[in-house]
C-alpha atoms as a PDB file:
ATOM      1  CA  MET A   1     -13.228   1.440 -25.617  1.00  0.00           C
ATOM      2  CA  THR A   2     -13.542   5.261 -25.085  1.00  0.00           C
ATOM      3  CA  THR A   3     -10.611   7.484 -23.972  1.00  0.00           C
ATOM      4  CA  GLN A   4     -12.478   8.318 -20.732  1.00  0.00           C
ATOM      5  CA  THR A   5     -12.776   4.598 -19.951  1.00  0.00           C
ATOM      6  CA  PHE A   6      -9.142   3.998 -20.459  1.00  0.00           C
ATOM      7  CA  ARG A   7      -8.278   7.007 -18.156  1.00  0.00           C
ATOM      8  CA  HIS A   8     -10.326   5.310 -15.321  1.00  0.00           C
ATOM      9  CA  GLN A   9      -8.504   2.018 -15.550  1.00  0.00           C
ATOM     10  CA  THR A  10      -5.915   0.563 -13.167  1.00  0.00           C
ATOM     11  CA  VAL A  11      -3.070  -1.566 -14.376  1.00  0.00           C
ATOM     12  CA  SER A  12      -4.870  -4.601 -13.191  1.00  0.00           C
ATOM     13  CA  GLN A  13      -8.015  -3.718 -15.025  1.00  0.00           C
ATOM     14  CA  ARG A  14      -6.062  -3.095 -18.065  1.00  0.00           C
ATOM     15  CA  LEU A  15      -4.094  -6.290 -18.021  1.00  0.00           C
ATOM     16  CA  TRP A  16      -6.842  -8.597 -16.673  1.00  0.00           C
ATOM     17  CA  PRO A  17     -10.200  -7.010 -17.401  1.00  0.00           C
ATOM     18  CA  VAL A  18     -13.033  -7.670 -15.118  1.00  0.00           C
ATOM     19  CA  PRO A  19     -15.141 -10.626 -16.491  1.00  0.00           C
ATOM     20  CA  SER A  20     -18.884 -10.301 -17.020  1.00  0.00           C
ATOM     21  CA  ASP A  21     -19.205 -13.747 -15.586  1.00  0.00           C
ATOM     22  CA  LYS A  22     -19.761 -13.475 -11.938  1.00  0.00           C
ATOM     23  CA  THR A  23     -17.722 -16.746 -11.072  1.00  0.00           C
ATOM     24  CA  ARG A  24     -14.813 -15.693 -13.197  1.00  0.00           C
ATOM     25  CA  ALA A  25     -14.966 -12.204 -11.706  1.00  0.00           C
ATOM     26  CA  LEU A  26     -14.800 -13.651  -8.211  1.00  0.00           C
ATOM     27  CA  PHE A  27     -11.831 -15.855  -9.198  1.00  0.00           C
ATOM     28  CA  ARG A  28     -10.082 -12.749 -10.363  1.00  0.00           C
ATOM     29  CA  VAL A  29     -10.672 -10.956  -7.097  1.00  0.00           C
ATOM     30  CA  PHE A  30      -9.514 -13.986  -5.217  1.00  0.00           C
ATOM     31  CA  VAL A  31      -6.179 -14.442  -7.219  1.00  0.00           C
ATOM     32  CA  LEU A  32      -5.374 -10.653  -6.950  1.00  0.00           C
ATOM     33  CA  VAL A  33      -6.106 -10.370  -3.423  1.00  0.00           C
ATOM     34  CA  ALA A  34      -4.256 -13.713  -2.442  1.00  0.00           C
ATOM     35  CA  SER A  35      -1.183 -12.509  -4.517  1.00  0.00           C
ATOM     36  CA  PHE A  36      -0.943  -9.150  -2.812  1.00  0.00           C
ATOM     37  CA  ASN A  37      -1.610 -10.730   0.488  1.00  0.00           C
ATOM     38  CA  LEU A  38       1.337 -12.940   0.079  1.00  0.00           C
ATOM     39  CA  LEU A  39       3.507  -9.847  -1.025  1.00  0.00           C
ATOM     40  CA  LEU A  40       2.467  -8.060   2.093  1.00  0.00           C
ATOM     41  CA  VAL A  41       3.525 -11.098   4.244  1.00  0.00           C
ATOM     42  CA  PHE A  42       6.743 -11.254   2.494  1.00  0.00           C
ATOM     43  CA  SER A  43       7.531  -7.533   2.694  1.00  0.00           C
ATOM     44  CA  ALA A  44       6.656  -7.664   6.517  1.00  0.00           C
ATOM     45  CA  ARG A  45       9.176 -10.519   7.244  1.00  0.00           C
ATOM     46  CA  ALA A  46      11.857  -8.643   5.386  1.00  0.00           C
ATOM     47  CA  SER A  47      12.128  -6.340   8.389  1.00  0.00           C
ATOM     48  CA  PHE A  48      14.524  -5.019  11.073  1.00  0.00           C
ATOM     49  CA  PHE A  49      14.059  -2.907  14.206  1.00  0.00           C
ATOM     50  CA  LEU A  50      16.315   0.170  14.854  1.00  0.00           C
ATOM     51  CA  PRO A  51      17.693  -0.141  18.450  1.00  0.00           C
ATOM     52  CA  PHE A  52      15.746   2.780  19.636  1.00  0.00           C
ATOM     53  CA  ASP A  53      12.457   2.376  17.646  1.00  0.00           C
ATOM     54  CA  PRO A  54       9.267   0.230  18.435  1.00  0.00           C
ATOM     55  CA  VAL A  55       8.345   0.457  14.700  1.00  0.00           C
ATOM     56  CA  PRO A  56      10.017  -1.955  12.340  1.00  0.00           C
ATOM     57  CA  VAL A  57      11.526  -0.997   9.111  1.00  0.00           C
ATOM     58  CA  THR A  58       9.954  -3.129   6.445  1.00  0.00           C
ATOM     59  CA  MET A  59       8.978  -3.143   2.607  1.00  0.00           C
ATOM     60  CA  GLN A  60       5.326  -3.039   3.647  1.00  0.00           C
ATOM     61  CA  THR A  61       4.617   0.639   2.898  1.00  0.00           C
ATOM     62  CA  LEU A  62       5.682   0.099  -0.873  1.00  0.00           C
ATOM     63  CA  VAL A  63       3.511  -2.917  -1.259  1.00  0.00           C
ATOM     64  CA  VAL A  64       0.549  -1.296   0.423  1.00  0.00           C
ATOM     65  CA  LEU A  65       0.772   1.632  -1.902  1.00  0.00           C
ATOM     66  CA  LEU A  66       1.237  -0.677  -5.035  1.00  0.00           C
ATOM     67  CA  ALA A  67      -1.821  -2.765  -3.969  1.00  0.00           C
ATOM     68  CA  GLY A  68      -3.951   0.431  -4.034  1.00  0.00           C
ATOM     69  CA  ILE A  69      -2.210   1.733  -7.304  1.00  0.00           C
ATOM     70  CA  LEU A  70      -2.374  -1.491  -9.254  1.00  0.00           C
ATOM     71  CA  LEU A  71      -5.667  -2.950  -8.003  1.00  0.00           C
ATOM     72  CA  GLY A  72      -7.681   0.278  -7.467  1.00  0.00           C
ATOM     73  CA  SER A  73      -9.205   1.716  -4.301  1.00  0.00           C
ATOM     74  CA  ARG A  74     -11.826  -1.023  -3.430  1.00  0.00           C
ATOM     75  CA  LEU A  75      -9.776  -4.083  -4.354  1.00  0.00           C
ATOM     76  CA  GLY A  76      -6.538  -2.509  -2.792  1.00  0.00           C
ATOM     77  CA  ALA A  77      -8.262  -1.532   0.406  1.00  0.00           C
ATOM     78  CA  LEU A  78      -9.923  -4.977   0.583  1.00  0.00           C
ATOM     79  CA  THR A  79      -6.574  -6.683   0.217  1.00  0.00           C
ATOM     80  CA  VAL A  80      -4.918  -4.654   2.933  1.00  0.00           C
ATOM     81  CA  ALA A  81      -7.862  -4.937   5.277  1.00  0.00           C
ATOM     82  CA  ALA A  82      -7.824  -8.615   4.921  1.00  0.00           C
ATOM     83  CA  TYR A  83      -4.143  -8.874   5.723  1.00  0.00           C
ATOM     84  CA  VAL A  84      -4.660  -6.689   8.815  1.00  0.00           C
ATOM     85  CA  ALA A  85      -7.659  -8.926   9.675  1.00  0.00           C
ATOM     86  CA  GLU A  86      -5.513 -11.950   9.498  1.00  0.00           C
ATOM     87  CA  GLY A  87      -2.784 -10.521  11.738  1.00  0.00           C
ATOM     88  CA  ILE A  88      -5.252  -9.401  14.488  1.00  0.00           C
ATOM     89  CA  CYS A  89      -6.688 -12.874  14.435  1.00  0.00           C
ATOM     90  CA  GLY A  90      -3.319 -14.246  15.248  1.00  0.00           C
ATOM     91  CA  LEU A  91      -1.994 -15.549  11.996  1.00  0.00           C
ATOM     92  CA  PRO A  92       1.756 -14.950  11.763  1.00  0.00           C
ATOM     93  CA  VAL A  93       1.601 -12.387   8.872  1.00  0.00           C
ATOM     94  CA  PHE A  94       3.114  -9.245  10.769  1.00  0.00           C
ATOM     95  CA  ALA A  95       6.712  -8.434  11.074  1.00  0.00           C
ATOM     96  CA  LEU A  96       8.446 -10.593  13.592  1.00  0.00           C
ATOM     97  CA  ASN A  97       8.185  -9.423  17.276  1.00  0.00           C
ATOM     98  CA  VAL A  98       5.163  -6.983  16.292  1.00  0.00           C
ATOM     99  CA  SER A  99       2.110  -7.491  18.360  1.00  0.00           C
ATOM    100  CA  ALA A 100      -1.243  -7.166  16.821  1.00  0.00           C
ATOM    101  CA  GLY A 101      -4.522  -5.728  17.996  1.00  0.00           C
ATOM    102  CA  LEU A 102      -5.961  -2.401  19.258  1.00  0.00           C
ATOM    103  CA  PHE A 103      -3.430  -2.218  22.101  1.00  0.00           C
ATOM    104  CA  SER A 104      -0.291  -2.450  19.932  1.00  0.00           C
ATOM    105  CA  PRO A 105       1.829   0.570  19.241  1.00  0.00           C
ATOM    106  CA  THR A 106       1.881  -0.086  15.578  1.00  0.00           C
ATOM    107  CA  PHE A 107      -1.973  -0.550  15.191  1.00  0.00           C
ATOM    108  CA  GLY A 108      -2.277   2.988  13.721  1.00  0.00           C
ATOM    109  CA  TYR A 109       0.108   2.017  11.122  1.00  0.00           C
ATOM    110  CA  LEU A 110      -2.254  -0.765  10.107  1.00  0.00           C
ATOM    111  CA  VAL A 111      -5.254   1.498  10.086  1.00  0.00           C
ATOM    112  CA  GLY A 112      -3.108   3.897   7.781  1.00  0.00           C
ATOM    113  CA  PHE A 113      -2.382   1.049   5.474  1.00  0.00           C
ATOM    114  CA  VAL A 114      -5.992   0.477   4.648  1.00  0.00           C
ATOM    115  CA  VAL A 115      -6.769   4.198   4.257  1.00  0.00           C
ATOM    116  CA  ALA A 116      -3.525   4.830   2.112  1.00  0.00           C
ATOM    117  CA  ALA A 117      -4.275   1.874  -0.221  1.00  0.00           C
ATOM    118  CA  TRP A 118      -7.859   3.154  -0.817  1.00  0.00           C
ATOM    119  CA  LEU A 119      -6.673   6.751  -1.361  1.00  0.00           C
ATOM    120  CA  VAL A 120      -3.856   6.052  -3.853  1.00  0.00           C
ATOM    121  CA  GLY A 121      -6.195   3.576  -5.579  1.00  0.00           C
ATOM    122  CA  GLU A 122      -8.624   6.543  -6.213  1.00  0.00           C
ATOM    123  CA  PHE A 123      -5.750   8.483  -7.681  1.00  0.00           C
ATOM    124  CA  SER A 124      -4.557   5.945  -9.800  1.00  0.00           C
ATOM    125  CA  SER A 125      -7.923   5.247 -11.269  1.00  0.00           C
ATOM    126  CA  ARG A 126      -7.716   8.833 -12.647  1.00  0.00           C
ATOM    127  CA  GLY A 127      -4.400   8.250 -14.335  1.00  0.00           C
ATOM    128  CA  ALA A 128      -2.027   9.449 -11.550  1.00  0.00           C
ATOM    129  CA  ASP A 129       0.293   6.628 -12.215  1.00  0.00           C
ATOM    130  CA  ARG A 130       0.963   7.313 -15.671  1.00  0.00           C
ATOM    131  CA  THR A 131       3.390  10.181 -15.240  1.00  0.00           C
ATOM    132  CA  SER A 132       6.219  10.452 -12.860  1.00  0.00           C
ATOM    133  CA  PRO A 133       5.301  13.795 -11.175  1.00  0.00           C
ATOM    134  CA  LYS A 134       1.657  12.568 -10.614  1.00  0.00           C
ATOM    135  CA  THR A 135       3.026   9.242  -9.225  1.00  0.00           C
ATOM    136  CA  ILE A 136       5.483  10.925  -6.889  1.00  0.00           C
ATOM    137  CA  ALA A 137       2.562  13.315  -5.490  1.00  0.00           C
ATOM    138  CA  MET A 138       0.213  10.313  -5.058  1.00  0.00           C
ATOM    139  CA  MET A 139       2.727   8.265  -3.232  1.00  0.00           C
ATOM    140  CA  VAL A 140       3.789  11.165  -0.857  1.00  0.00           C
ATOM    141  CA  VAL A 141       0.151  11.626  -0.057  1.00  0.00           C
ATOM    142  CA  GLY A 142      -0.181   7.841   0.702  1.00  0.00           C
ATOM    143  CA  ASN A 143       2.862   7.849   2.847  1.00  0.00           C
ATOM    144  CA  LEU A 144       1.780  11.037   4.821  1.00  0.00           C
ATOM    145  CA  VAL A 145      -1.583   9.164   5.516  1.00  0.00           C
ATOM    146  CA  MET A 146       0.374   6.295   6.927  1.00  0.00           C
ATOM    147  CA  TYR A 147       2.598   8.478   8.896  1.00  0.00           C
ATOM    148  CA  PHE A 148      -0.142  10.582  10.381  1.00  0.00           C
ATOM    149  CA  CYS A 149      -2.403   7.430  11.457  1.00  0.00           C
ATOM    150  CA  GLY A 150       0.609   5.654  12.818  1.00  0.00           C
ATOM    151  CA  CYS A 151       2.141   8.531  14.805  1.00  0.00           C
ATOM    152  CA  ALA A 152      -1.252   9.615  16.091  1.00  0.00           C
ATOM    153  CA  TRP A 153      -1.643   6.208  17.636  1.00  0.00           C
ATOM    154  CA  LEU A 154       1.953   5.712  18.587  1.00  0.00           C
ATOM    155  CA  SER A 155       1.971   9.062  20.447  1.00  0.00           C
ATOM    156  CA  HIS A 156      -0.120   7.475  23.340  1.00  0.00           C
ATOM    157  CA  PHE A 157       2.599   4.775  23.947  1.00  0.00           C
ATOM    158  CA  VAL A 158       5.838   6.913  23.610  1.00  0.00           C
ATOM    159  CA  GLY A 159       4.861  10.099  25.486  1.00  0.00           C
ATOM    160  CA  GLY A 160       3.481  12.559  22.794  1.00  0.00           C
ATOM    161  CA  ILE A 161       3.275  13.414  19.332  1.00  0.00           C
ATOM    162  CA  SER A 162       6.886  15.019  19.162  1.00  0.00           C
ATOM    163  CA  LYS A 163       8.464  11.691  20.232  1.00  0.00           C
ATOM    164  CA  ALA A 164       6.110   9.711  17.899  1.00  0.00           C
ATOM    165  CA  LEU A 165       7.249  11.735  14.930  1.00  0.00           C
ATOM    166  CA  VAL A 166      11.039  11.140  15.848  1.00  0.00           C
ATOM    167  CA  LEU A 167      10.336   7.344  16.244  1.00  0.00           C
ATOM    168  CA  GLY A 168       7.652   6.775  13.822  1.00  0.00           C
ATOM    169  CA  THR A 169       8.380   8.874  10.778  1.00  0.00           C
ATOM    170  CA  LEU A 170      11.897  10.248  10.517  1.00  0.00           C
ATOM    171  CA  PRO A 171      13.735   6.977  10.294  1.00  0.00           C
ATOM    172  CA  PHE A 172      11.561   5.947   7.548  1.00  0.00           C
ATOM    173  CA  ILE A 173      11.744   8.919   5.329  1.00  0.00           C
ATOM    174  CA  PRO A 174      15.051   8.061   3.446  1.00  0.00           C
ATOM    175  CA  GLY A 175      13.758   4.576   2.519  1.00  0.00           C
ATOM    176  CA  ASP A 176      10.307   5.827   1.447  1.00  0.00           C
ATOM    177  CA  ILE A 177      11.913   8.412  -0.803  1.00  0.00           C
ATOM    178  CA  LEU A 178      13.876   5.649  -2.498  1.00  0.00           C
ATOM    179  CA  LYS A 179      10.741   3.640  -2.895  1.00  0.00           C
ATOM    180  CA  ILE A 180       8.902   6.603  -4.393  1.00  0.00           C
ATOM    181  CA  ALA A 181      11.676   7.270  -6.873  1.00  0.00           C
ATOM    182  CA  VAL A 182      11.919   3.732  -8.197  1.00  0.00           C
ATOM    183  CA  ALA A 183       7.918   3.601  -8.615  1.00  0.00           C
ATOM    184  CA  SER A 184       7.859   6.867 -10.186  1.00  0.00           C
ATOM    185  CA  VAL A 185      10.135   5.635 -13.006  1.00  0.00           C
ATOM    186  CA  LEU A 186       8.582   2.132 -13.107  1.00  0.00           C
ATOM    187  CA  LEU A 187       4.880   2.665 -13.195  1.00  0.00           C
ATOM    188  CA  PRO A 188       4.767   5.119 -16.134  1.00  0.00           C
ATOM    189  CA  ARG A 189       7.021   2.849 -18.036  1.00  0.00           C
ATOM    190  CA  LEU A 190       4.664  -0.013 -17.353  1.00  0.00           C
ATOM    191  CA  TRP A 191       1.855   1.942 -18.930  1.00  0.00           C
ATOM    192  CA  LYS A 192       3.903   2.691 -21.900  1.00  0.00           C
ATOM    193  CA  LEU A 193       4.557  -0.981 -22.355  1.00  0.00           C
ATOM    194  CA  ILE A 194       0.888  -1.796 -21.898  1.00  0.00           C
ATOM    195  CA  GLY A 195       0.022   0.691 -24.698  1.00  0.00           C
ATOM    196  CA  ALA A 196       2.802  -0.447 -26.880  1.00  0.00           C
ATOM    197  CA  ARG A 197       1.718  -4.073 -26.536  1.00  0.00           C
ATOM    198  CA  GLU A 198      -1.812  -3.364 -27.575  1.00  0.00           C
ATOM    199  CA  ASN A 199      -0.867  -1.025 -30.617  1.00  0.00           C
END
């Protein structure tokens, strides 16, 4: 394997290479998508609402970003898109008391989830998850995408972008900073473990 190939791999590709056999490759996709789908459901259910806020506090943003980082852009976005589609179809996968569909105040965040998963997947396939500074930068960009999409849509329900920023961004920044800090330590160490195991 060339150095260039190694640099363009995600964690999942390194730990579970894509098989040449189509059946096995599809099985790999199914297992990875289903696993992260379940993580998204559990992370959504571990939620609570602030008294003044229509947007719940969950662990979803972390799992969305990890889906993109660990699975890559296409598979990560596919996983998150499948999760969003399940919720819109009426399956109980979203946070409790969160309505689904185009006319929900939180619909913009769901769109942002898919875009962010794809974007950080693109970064991670270029090695951005192998150092702490790049991991921080990548995840900050991913969070900004989710904030932008979410607040842009939420603004139509709460009376403007300023109020949407107060309700849909500011309460979540401290928790997201903590998530990014933890990931920026763990992801580079994971790559070191992978390298040590293979040497």
